[in-house]
């Protein structure tokens, strides 16, 4: 089992920045791909970003490319999501996930955190 706990959410004005963190515990999390997804009210959960466990390869949704950066610190069992130039449409609950396969397909991630709210005001 892998336990994931997100932190760092909050309220920010449009154009501002936030950095989310996801602390992992349990199995050897450094061998898992890590991802972030989000879900806005009334909308389906969508992929945001992912990072591989070995080379640190990354993939991003087009909607966040160039504004968000995913990174990981395997020594601390923590993955981060630096979010810059935030827009009101980025408002959502952000979830951290862990899985064996590095990809954008949310249904292939095995473990999920409880989420952290990000609200961007206009």
C-alpha atoms as a PDB file:
ATOM      1  CA  UNK A   1       0.000   0.000   0.000  1.00  0.00           C
ATOM      2  CA  UNK A   2       0.984   3.580  -0.663  1.00  0.00           C
ATOM      3  CA  UNK A   3      -0.457   6.482   1.276  1.00  0.00           C
ATOM      4  CA  UNK A   4      -0.508   9.926  -0.302  1.00  0.00           C
ATOM      5  CA  UNK A   5      -1.188  13.229   1.450  1.00  0.00           C
ATOM      6  CA  UNK A   6      -1.453  16.482  -0.487  1.00  0.00           C
ATOM      7  CA  UNK A   7      -0.804  19.952   0.897  1.00  0.00           C
ATOM      8  CA  UNK A   8      -0.244  23.496  -0.298  1.00  0.00           C
ATOM      9  CA  UNK A   9      -3.634  24.356  -1.707  1.00  0.00           C
ATOM     10  CA  UNK A  10      -5.349  27.646  -1.011  1.00  0.00           C
ATOM     11  CA  UNK A  11      -6.791  30.836  -2.414  1.00  0.00           C
ATOM     12  CA  UNK A  12      -4.731  32.903  -4.845  1.00  0.00           C
ATOM     13  CA  UNK A  13      -5.414  35.718  -7.256  1.00  0.00           C
ATOM     14  CA  UNK A  14      -5.198  35.208 -10.990  1.00  0.00           C
ATOM     15  CA  UNK A  15      -1.596  35.451 -12.142  1.00  0.00           C
ATOM     16  CA  UNK A  16      -0.307  34.188  -8.824  1.00  0.00           C
ATOM     17  CA  UNK A  17       1.528  31.012  -7.891  1.00  0.00           C
ATOM     18  CA  UNK A  18       1.100  28.034  -5.593  1.00  0.00           C
ATOM     19  CA  UNK A  19       3.237  24.994  -4.923  1.00  0.00           C
ATOM     20  CA  UNK A  20       1.511  21.756  -4.043  1.00  0.00           C
ATOM     21  CA  UNK A  21       3.258  18.901  -2.301  1.00  0.00           C
ATOM     22  CA  UNK A  22       2.365  15.229  -2.060  1.00  0.00           C
ATOM     23  CA  UNK A  23       4.002  13.229   0.705  1.00  0.00           C
ATOM     24  CA  UNK A  24       4.076   9.496   0.082  1.00  0.00           C
ATOM     25  CA  UNK A  25       4.571   6.658   2.510  1.00  0.00           C
ATOM     26  CA  UNK A  26       4.307   2.892   2.451  1.00  0.00           C
ATOM     27  CA  UNK A  27       5.913   0.841  -0.268  1.00  0.00           C
ATOM     28  CA  UNK A  28       9.023   1.993  -2.053  1.00  0.00           C
ATOM     29  CA  UNK A  29       7.411   5.020  -3.596  1.00  0.00           C
ATOM     30  CA  UNK A  30      10.531   5.933  -5.523  1.00  0.00           C
ATOM     31  CA  UNK A  31       9.697   3.085  -7.908  1.00  0.00           C
ATOM     32  CA  UNK A  32       6.292   4.542  -8.771  1.00  0.00           C
ATOM     33  CA  UNK A  33       5.356   7.059 -11.394  1.00  0.00           C
ATOM     34  CA  UNK A  34       3.621  10.020  -9.772  1.00  0.00           C
ATOM     35  CA  UNK A  35       0.911  12.171 -11.196  1.00  0.00           C
ATOM     36  CA  UNK A  36      -1.386  15.087 -10.487  1.00  0.00           C
ATOM     37  CA  UNK A  37      -4.965  15.391 -11.615  1.00  0.00           C
ATOM     38  CA  UNK A  38      -7.737  17.851 -10.825  1.00  0.00           C
ATOM     39  CA  UNK A  39     -11.484  18.000 -10.659  1.00  0.00           C
ATOM     40  CA  UNK A  40     -13.507  21.168 -10.920  1.00  0.00           C
ATOM     41  CA  UNK A  41     -17.127  21.353  -9.684  1.00  0.00           C
ATOM     42  CA  UNK A  42     -19.449  19.604 -12.092  1.00  0.00           C
ATOM     43  CA  UNK A  43     -16.625  18.372 -14.282  1.00  0.00           C
ATOM     44  CA  UNK A  44     -14.800  15.087 -14.736  1.00  0.00           C
ATOM     45  CA  UNK A  45     -11.410  14.543 -13.204  1.00  0.00           C
ATOM     46  CA  UNK A  46      -8.673  15.459 -15.662  1.00  0.00           C
ATOM     47  CA  UNK A  47      -4.998  14.692 -15.969  1.00  0.00           C
ATOM     48  CA  UNK A  48      -2.597  17.532 -15.157  1.00  0.00           C
ATOM     49  CA  UNK A  49       0.964  16.198 -15.056  1.00  0.00           C
ATOM     50  CA  UNK A  50       3.057  13.101 -14.371  1.00  0.00           C
ATOM     51  CA  UNK A  51       6.687  12.257 -13.676  1.00  0.00           C
ATOM     52  CA  UNK A  52       8.473   8.940 -14.112  1.00  0.00           C
ATOM     53  CA  UNK A  53      10.299   7.302 -11.260  1.00  0.00           C
ATOM     54  CA  UNK A  54      13.605   6.710 -12.980  1.00  0.00           C
ATOM     55  CA  UNK A  55      14.674   9.424 -15.393  1.00  0.00           C
ATOM     56  CA  UNK A  56      12.280  12.052 -14.168  1.00  0.00           C
ATOM     57  CA  UNK A  57      10.565  12.269 -17.543  1.00  0.00           C
ATOM     58  CA  UNK A  58       7.499  14.487 -17.446  1.00  0.00           C
ATOM     59  CA  UNK A  59       4.259  14.918 -19.341  1.00  0.00           C
ATOM     60  CA  UNK A  60       1.705  17.712 -19.062  1.00  0.00           C
ATOM     61  CA  UNK A  61      -1.804  18.464 -20.133  1.00  0.00           C
ATOM     62  CA  UNK A  62      -1.876  21.099 -22.846  1.00  0.00           C
ATOM     63  CA  UNK A  63      -3.896  23.387 -20.586  1.00  0.00           C
ATOM     64  CA  UNK A  64      -1.040  23.693 -18.072  1.00  0.00           C
ATOM     65  CA  UNK A  65       2.026  23.262 -20.258  1.00  0.00           C
ATOM     66  CA  UNK A  66       4.470  26.110 -19.729  1.00  0.00           C
ATOM     67  CA  UNK A  67       2.798  27.203 -16.478  1.00  0.00           C
ATOM     68  CA  UNK A  68       3.011  24.137 -14.222  1.00  0.00           C
ATOM     69  CA  UNK A  69       6.094  22.121 -13.312  1.00  0.00           C
ATOM     70  CA  UNK A  70       6.070  18.691 -11.710  1.00  0.00           C
ATOM     71  CA  UNK A  71       9.112  17.481  -9.789  1.00  0.00           C
ATOM     72  CA  UNK A  72       9.986  14.827  -7.253  1.00  0.00           C
ATOM     73  CA  UNK A  73      12.401  14.297  -4.394  1.00  0.00           C
ATOM     74  CA  UNK A  74      12.768  10.557  -3.946  1.00  0.00           C
ATOM     75  CA  UNK A  75      14.840  11.007  -0.798  1.00  0.00           C
ATOM     76  CA  UNK A  76      11.876  12.788   0.781  1.00  0.00           C
ATOM     77  CA  UNK A  77       9.229  10.623  -0.910  1.00  0.00           C
ATOM     78  CA  UNK A  78       7.575  13.814  -2.085  1.00  0.00           C
ATOM     79  CA  UNK A  79       6.308  15.057  -5.421  1.00  0.00           C
ATOM     80  CA  UNK A  80       5.601  18.716  -6.123  1.00  0.00           C
ATOM     81  CA  UNK A  81       3.492  20.724  -8.514  1.00  0.00           C
ATOM     82  CA  UNK A  82       4.658  24.291  -9.002  1.00  0.00           C
ATOM     83  CA  UNK A  83       1.799  26.288 -10.486  1.00  0.00           C
ATOM     84  CA  UNK A  84       2.514  29.703 -11.985  1.00  0.00           C
ATOM     85  CA  UNK A  85       0.376  32.195 -13.891  1.00  0.00           C
ATOM     86  CA  UNK A  86      -2.725  30.699 -12.362  1.00  0.00           C
ATOM     87  CA  UNK A  87      -6.078  31.291 -14.007  1.00  0.00           C
ATOM     88  CA  UNK A  88      -9.609  31.090 -12.594  1.00  0.00           C
ATOM     89  CA  UNK A  89     -10.154  27.983 -14.714  1.00  0.00           C
ATOM     90  CA  UNK A  90      -7.413  26.249 -12.712  1.00  0.00           C
ATOM     91  CA  UNK A  91      -9.778  26.236  -9.735  1.00  0.00           C
ATOM     92  CA  UNK A  92     -10.282  22.611  -8.699  1.00  0.00           C
ATOM     93  CA  UNK A  93      -9.459  19.960  -6.158  1.00  0.00           C
ATOM     94  CA  UNK A  94      -6.003  18.662  -7.003  1.00  0.00           C
ATOM     95  CA  UNK A  95      -5.202  15.010  -6.423  1.00  0.00           C
ATOM     96  CA  UNK A  96      -1.883  13.223  -6.235  1.00  0.00           C
ATOM     97  CA  UNK A  97      -1.603   9.677  -7.579  1.00  0.00           C
ATOM     98  CA  UNK A  98       0.941   6.868  -7.794  1.00  0.00           C
ATOM     99  CA  UNK A  99       1.138   4.064 -10.313  1.00  0.00           C
ATOM    100  CA  UNK A 100       3.516   1.584 -11.851  1.00  0.00           C
ATOM    101  CA  UNK A 101       3.130   2.939 -15.381  1.00  0.00           C
ATOM    102  CA  UNK A 102       4.200   6.433 -16.363  1.00  0.00           C
ATOM    103  CA  UNK A 103       1.338   7.807 -18.446  1.00  0.00           C
ATOM    104  CA  UNK A 104      -1.553  10.271 -18.563  1.00  0.00           C
ATOM    105  CA  UNK A 105      -4.313   7.690 -18.149  1.00  0.00           C
ATOM    106  CA  UNK A 106      -5.853   8.285 -14.752  1.00  0.00           C
ATOM    107  CA  UNK A 107      -7.420   4.833 -14.540  1.00  0.00           C
ATOM    108  CA  UNK A 108      -3.966   3.278 -14.537  1.00  0.00           C
ATOM    109  CA  UNK A 109      -2.919   4.936 -11.294  1.00  0.00           C
ATOM    110  CA  UNK A 110      -3.322   2.674  -8.301  1.00  0.00           C
ATOM    111  CA  UNK A 111      -3.161   5.005  -5.314  1.00  0.00           C
ATOM    112  CA  UNK A 112      -4.765   8.390  -4.713  1.00  0.00           C
ATOM    113  CA  UNK A 113      -4.614  11.105  -2.108  1.00  0.00           C
ATOM    114  CA  UNK A 114      -7.598  12.917  -0.626  1.00  0.00           C
ATOM    115  CA  UNK A 115      -7.008  16.082  -2.585  1.00  0.00           C
ATOM    116  CA  UNK A 116      -6.288  19.727  -1.833  1.00  0.00           C
ATOM    117  CA  UNK A 117      -8.443  22.666  -2.910  1.00  0.00           C
ATOM    118  CA  UNK A 118      -7.000  25.325  -5.178  1.00  0.00           C
ATOM    119  CA  UNK A 119      -9.110  28.420  -5.782  1.00  0.00           C
ATOM    120  CA  UNK A 120      -8.030  31.143  -8.187  1.00  0.00           C
ATOM    121  CA  UNK A 121      -9.936  34.403  -7.980  1.00  0.00           C
ATOM    122  CA  UNK A 122     -10.293  36.771 -10.911  1.00  0.00           C
END
